[in-house]
C-alpha atoms as a PDB file:
ATOM      1  CA  MET A   1     143.154  43.219  62.288  1.00  0.00           C
ATOM      2  CA  SER A   2     142.031  46.595  63.586  1.00  0.00           C
ATOM      3  CA  ILE A   3     144.006  49.420  65.137  1.00  0.00           C
ATOM      4  CA  HIS A   4     145.110  48.283  68.588  1.00  0.00           C
ATOM      5  CA  LYS A   5     144.305  51.341  70.683  1.00  0.00           C
ATOM      6  CA  ARG A   6     141.518  52.293  73.041  1.00  0.00           C
ATOM      7  CA  TRP A   7     138.624  54.268  71.602  1.00  0.00           C
ATOM      8  CA  SER A   8     138.596  58.033  72.248  1.00  0.00           C
ATOM      9  CA  ASN A   9     135.226  59.776  72.527  1.00  0.00           C
ATOM     10  CA  TYR A  10     134.452  61.291  69.143  1.00  0.00           C
ATOM     11  CA  THR A  11     133.925  64.967  69.866  1.00  0.00           C
ATOM     12  CA  ARG A  12     135.152  68.052  68.046  1.00  0.00           C
ATOM     13  CA  GLN A  13     137.241  68.978  71.062  1.00  0.00           C
ATOM     14  CA  ASN A  14     138.996  65.603  71.195  1.00  0.00           C
ATOM     15  CA  ALA A  15     139.485  65.396  67.418  1.00  0.00           C
ATOM     16  CA  SER A  16     140.908  68.947  67.401  1.00  0.00           C
ATOM     17  CA  SER A  17     143.627  67.886  69.825  1.00  0.00           C
ATOM     18  CA  GLU A  18     144.936  65.041  67.649  1.00  0.00           C
ATOM     19  CA  PRO A  19     148.093  65.384  65.529  1.00  0.00           C
ATOM     20  CA  ASP A  20     147.601  66.631  61.979  1.00  0.00           C
ATOM     21  CA  THR A  21     150.009  64.139  60.521  1.00  0.00           C
ATOM     22  CA  ASN A  22     149.679  61.188  58.140  1.00  0.00           C
ATOM     23  CA  GLY A  23     147.929  58.111  59.407  1.00  0.00           C
ATOM     24  CA  VAL A  24     144.892  55.870  59.409  1.00  0.00           C
ATOM     25  CA  TYR A  25     141.857  56.132  61.659  1.00  0.00           C
ATOM     26  CA  GLU A  26     138.810  54.110  62.554  1.00  0.00           C
ATOM     27  CA  ILE A  27     135.449  55.517  63.541  1.00  0.00           C
ATOM     28  CA  GLY A  28     133.191  53.170  65.443  1.00  0.00           C
ATOM     29  CA  ASP A  29     130.618  52.482  68.107  1.00  0.00           C
ATOM     30  CA  ILE A  30     132.349  52.477  71.492  1.00  0.00           C
ATOM     31  CA  GLU A  31     129.621  50.395  73.131  1.00  0.00           C
ATOM     32  CA  THR A  32     129.810  47.498  70.663  1.00  0.00           C
ATOM     33  CA  GLY A  33     133.308  47.979  69.236  1.00  0.00           C
ATOM     34  CA  ALA A  34     131.834  47.907  65.725  1.00  0.00           C
ATOM     35  CA  ILE A  35     134.051  49.651  63.190  1.00  0.00           C
ATOM     36  CA  LEU A  36     131.926  51.856  60.946  1.00  0.00           C
ATOM     37  CA  TYR A  37     134.609  53.538  58.842  1.00  0.00           C
ATOM     38  CA  ILE A  38     138.332  53.231  58.147  1.00  0.00           C
ATOM     39  CA  GLY A  39     139.963  56.375  56.766  1.00  0.00           C
ATOM     40  CA  GLU A  40     143.429  57.632  55.878  1.00  0.00           C
ATOM     41  CA  GLY A  41     145.147  60.988  55.504  1.00  0.00           C
ATOM     42  CA  ASN A  42     145.925  63.760  57.955  1.00  0.00           C
ATOM     43  CA  ILE A  43     144.410  62.465  61.180  1.00  0.00           C
ATOM     44  CA  ARG A  44     143.012  65.683  62.687  1.00  0.00           C
ATOM     45  CA  THR A  45     141.787  66.984  59.331  1.00  0.00           C
ATOM     46  CA  GLY A  46     140.146  63.661  58.500  1.00  0.00           C
ATOM     47  CA  LEU A  47     138.403  63.341  61.848  1.00  0.00           C
ATOM     48  CA  LEU A  48     137.141  66.931  61.775  1.00  0.00           C
ATOM     49  CA  ALA A  49     135.908  66.528  58.188  1.00  0.00           C
ATOM     50  CA  HIS A  50     133.289  64.075  59.462  1.00  0.00           C
ATOM     51  CA  SER A  51     131.865  66.747  61.828  1.00  0.00           C
ATOM     52  CA  PRO A  52     130.787  64.825  64.933  1.00  0.00           C
ATOM     53  CA  ASP A  53     128.086  66.643  66.888  1.00  0.00           C
ATOM     54  CA  GLY A  54     130.182  66.596  70.042  1.00  0.00           C
ATOM     55  CA  GLY A  55     127.658  64.503  71.963  1.00  0.00           C
ATOM     56  CA  LYS A  56     124.973  67.209  71.949  1.00  0.00           C
ATOM     57  CA  LYS A  57     122.346  64.876  70.459  1.00  0.00           C
ATOM     58  CA  LYS A  58     121.424  61.321  71.300  1.00  0.00           C
ATOM     59  CA  HIS A  59     120.483  60.643  67.688  1.00  0.00           C
ATOM     60  CA  VAL A  60     123.284  61.430  65.292  1.00  0.00           C
ATOM     61  CA  SER A  61     122.875  61.425  61.544  1.00  0.00           C
ATOM     62  CA  ILE A  62     125.851  59.672  60.016  1.00  0.00           C
ATOM     63  CA  PHE A  63     126.326  59.371  56.302  1.00  0.00           C
ATOM     64  CA  GLY A  64     122.605  59.967  55.722  1.00  0.00           C
ATOM     65  CA  THR A  65     121.304  57.453  58.264  1.00  0.00           C
ATOM     66  CA  SER A  66     120.068  57.947  61.800  1.00  0.00           C
ATOM     67  CA  ILE A  67     122.040  55.919  64.313  1.00  0.00           C
ATOM     68  CA  VAL A  68     121.953  55.997  68.099  1.00  0.00           C
ATOM     69  CA  GLY A  69     125.204  55.356  69.907  1.00  0.00           C
ATOM     70  CA  LEU A  70     128.368  56.659  71.496  1.00  0.00           C
ATOM     71  CA  TYR A  71     130.949  57.159  68.768  1.00  0.00           C
ATOM     72  CA  GLY A  72     134.672  56.813  69.112  1.00  0.00           C
ATOM     73  CA  TYR A  73     137.820  56.919  67.058  1.00  0.00           C
ATOM     74  CA  ARG A  74     141.330  55.567  67.206  1.00  0.00           C
ATOM     75  CA  PHE A  75     144.298  56.089  64.945  1.00  0.00           C
ATOM     76  CA  GLU A  76     147.823  55.095  63.955  1.00  0.00           C
ATOM     77  CA  ILE A  77     150.452  57.541  62.736  1.00  0.00           C
ATOM     78  CA  THR A  78     152.361  56.596  59.582  1.00  0.00           C
ATOM     79  CA  THR A  79     155.560  58.010  58.110  1.00  0.00           C
ATOM     80  CA  SER A  80     153.989  59.141  54.819  1.00  0.00           C
ATOM     81  CA  LYS A  81     150.751  59.523  52.890  1.00  0.00           C
ATOM     82  CA  ASP A  82     151.660  56.466  50.804  1.00  0.00           C
ATOM     83  CA  LYS A  83     152.165  54.404  53.989  1.00  0.00           C
ATOM     84  CA  ALA A  84     148.771  55.622  55.261  1.00  0.00           C
ATOM     85  CA  LYS A  85     147.063  54.508  52.038  1.00  0.00           C
ATOM     86  CA  GLN A  86     148.849  51.153  52.212  1.00  0.00           C
ATOM     87  CA  ARG A  87     147.846  50.651  55.859  1.00  0.00           C
ATOM     88  CA  GLN A  88     144.225  51.571  55.077  1.00  0.00           C
ATOM     89  CA  LYS A  89     144.188  48.946  52.305  1.00  0.00           C
ATOM     90  CA  GLU A  90     145.530  46.351  54.780  1.00  0.00           C
ATOM     91  CA  LEU A  91     142.910  47.228  57.403  1.00  0.00           C
ATOM     92  CA  LEU A  92     140.083  47.137  54.841  1.00  0.00           C
ATOM     93  CA  LYS A  93     141.301  43.809  53.436  1.00  0.00           C
ATOM     94  CA  ASP A  94     141.533  42.270  56.925  1.00  0.00           C
ATOM     95  CA  PHE A  95     138.080  43.588  57.813  1.00  0.00           C
ATOM     96  CA  LYS A  96     136.555  42.185  54.616  1.00  0.00           C
ATOM     97  CA  THR A  97     138.267  38.826  55.132  1.00  0.00           C
ATOM     98  CA  THR A  98     136.945  38.626  58.693  1.00  0.00           C
ATOM     99  CA  TYR A  99     133.404  39.951  58.179  1.00  0.00           C
ATOM    100  CA  GLY A 100     132.710  39.327  54.487  1.00  0.00           C
ATOM    101  CA  SER A 101     132.275  43.002  53.566  1.00  0.00           C
ATOM    102  CA  LEU A 102     133.816  46.410  54.127  1.00  0.00           C
ATOM    103  CA  PRO A 103     132.821  48.573  57.116  1.00  0.00           C
ATOM    104  CA  ARG A 104     129.368  50.019  56.500  1.00  0.00           C
ATOM    105  CA  PHE A 105     130.462  53.519  55.569  1.00  0.00           C
ATOM    106  CA  ASN A 106     133.415  52.438  53.454  1.00  0.00           C
ATOM    107  CA  GLN A 107     130.855  50.597  51.303  1.00  0.00           C
ATOM    108  CA  LYS A 108     128.911  53.810  50.741  1.00  0.00           C
ATOM    109  CA  GLN A 109     132.096  55.781  50.094  1.00  0.00           C
ATOM    110  CA  GLU A 110     132.864  53.608  47.100  1.00  0.00           C
ATOM    111  CA  LYS A 111     129.625  54.840  45.536  1.00  0.00           C
ATOM    112  CA  SER A 112     129.739  58.510  46.602  1.00  0.00           C
ATOM    113  CA  ALA A 113     131.967  61.323  47.833  1.00  0.00           C
ATOM    114  CA  ALA A 114     133.717  61.378  51.220  1.00  0.00           C
ATOM    115  CA  PRO A 115     131.411  60.569  54.159  1.00  0.00           C
ATOM    116  CA  VAL A 116     130.146  63.350  56.413  1.00  0.00           C
ATOM    117  CA  PHE A 117     128.743  63.262  59.934  1.00  0.00           C
ATOM    118  CA  ILE A 118     125.860  65.722  60.336  1.00  0.00           C
END
């Protein structure tokens, strides 16, 4: 089960306007609905840490790979950091049960540091 909200365009301006409170967020491809990453923590801080290019380029380098697409995000607010971590675990488990693996960039995160959009 994913977060049940509409995708917001993933730009610095939009991410900067989100609440900086505990929660979970998904980053994905708006055109296909594919979830690429599920994160947790302070929503605004987490979204900005991935540094979207703001739509200035058609080709965006994400996590060391070149991908073409229109990126989006959606989020849920939680009451605490522990609740955010718990909710992220639930979302990742549901995703893996449905698709047989974690979202593409959660797989890479297990092997390296936090993902970064360039």
